[in-house]
Protein backbone atom coordinates (compact mmCIF):
# COMPACT_ATOMS: atom_id res chain seq x y z
CA MET A 1 1.55 1.96 17.18
CA ILE A 2 1.76 2.37 13.40
CA GLU A 3 2.79 -0.62 11.30
CA PHE A 4 3.37 -1.03 7.59
CA CYS A 5 2.94 -4.18 5.56
CA THR A 6 6.30 -4.55 3.86
CA HIS A 7 6.90 -6.97 0.98
CA GLY A 8 10.37 -8.08 -0.01
CA HIS A 9 13.36 -10.30 0.59
CA PHE A 10 14.29 -10.37 4.26
CA TYR A 11 17.28 -11.75 6.14
CA ARG A 12 16.38 -13.03 9.58
CA SER A 13 19.81 -12.44 11.10
CA PRO A 14 23.21 -11.02 10.13
CA THR A 15 24.43 -14.56 9.36
CA ASP A 16 21.37 -15.58 7.31
CA GLN A 17 22.70 -16.60 3.88
CA LYS A 18 19.42 -17.21 2.03
CA GLY A 19 16.84 -14.91 3.51
CA VAL A 20 13.15 -15.35 2.86
CA TYR A 21 10.61 -13.65 0.60
CA GLY A 22 7.33 -12.52 2.06
CA ALA A 23 5.25 -9.74 3.50
CA TRP A 24 5.26 -8.78 7.16
CA TRP A 25 3.74 -6.08 9.31
CA ILE A 26 6.66 -4.07 10.63
CA PRO A 27 6.33 -1.36 13.30
CA LEU A 28 7.27 2.12 12.11
CA ARG A 29 9.77 2.36 14.97
CA LYS A 30 11.67 -0.65 13.64
CA LEU A 31 11.64 0.65 10.05
CA VAL A 32 13.07 4.02 11.09
CA ARG A 33 15.77 2.41 13.22
CA ARG A 34 16.74 -0.10 10.51
CA VAL A 35 16.74 2.03 7.36
CA GLY A 36 16.72 5.61 8.67
CA ARG A 37 14.25 8.43 8.91
CA ALA A 38 14.98 9.94 5.49
CA GLN A 39 14.37 6.71 3.60
CA VAL A 40 11.19 5.91 5.53
CA GLU A 41 9.81 9.41 4.98
CA ALA A 42 10.67 9.24 1.27
CA ARG A 43 8.98 5.86 0.81
CA ILE A 44 5.85 6.96 2.69
CA SER A 45 5.67 10.13 0.57
CA GLU A 46 6.02 8.04 -2.62
CA HIS A 47 3.29 5.68 -1.45
CA LEU A 48 0.87 8.47 -0.52
CA ALA A 49 1.47 10.23 -3.85
CA ASP A 50 0.78 6.96 -5.69
CA VAL A 51 -2.44 6.37 -3.74
CA GLN A 52 -3.59 9.94 -4.48
CA ARG A 53 -2.75 9.54 -8.19
CA ARG A 54 -4.67 6.25 -8.39
CA ALA A 55 -7.66 7.69 -6.54
CA ASN A 56 -7.73 10.73 -8.84
CA THR A 57 -7.61 8.49 -11.92
CA GLU A 58 -10.42 6.30 -10.58
CA ILE A 59 -12.55 9.29 -9.66
CA GLU A 60 -12.02 10.78 -13.12
CA ASP A 61 -12.94 7.47 -14.77
CA ILE A 62 -16.11 7.21 -12.69
CA ALA A 63 -17.10 10.81 -13.38
CA ASN A 64 -16.63 10.31 -17.13
CA ASP A 65 -18.35 6.92 -17.25
CA SER A 66 -21.39 7.12 -19.52
CA ASP A 67 -22.85 3.87 -18.13
CA SER A 68 -25.71 4.90 -15.86
CA SER A 69 -25.84 1.56 -14.05
CA ASP A 70 -23.84 1.19 -10.89
CA GLU A 71 -23.05 -2.52 -10.66
CA GLU A 72 -21.05 -2.21 -7.48
CA GLY A 73 -23.68 -0.05 -5.81
CA ALA A 74 -26.52 -2.32 -6.94
CA ALA A 75 -24.74 -5.38 -5.58
CA GLN A 76 -24.07 -3.67 -2.26
CA GLU A 77 -27.69 -2.54 -1.97
CA GLY A 78 -29.03 -5.98 -2.77
CA GLY A 79 -30.01 -5.16 -6.37
CA SER A 80 -28.91 -6.92 -9.51
């Protein structure tokens, strides 16, 4: 089963007047049935494109970094 963590304002029933803000893990099946295949596919595509863009930016920043120390790597390897 695939689930997505979805953040937003949710109504718990059709008669819920206030709703509640939060983040919940929602099964893909429920998302598709509630909002439709096209919207779910569009949102997933947007998300994946954003993740790829962010990763590319981070990789580029790391590759162009003139600092030879690797603080994260040193900390993970037990160095300082």
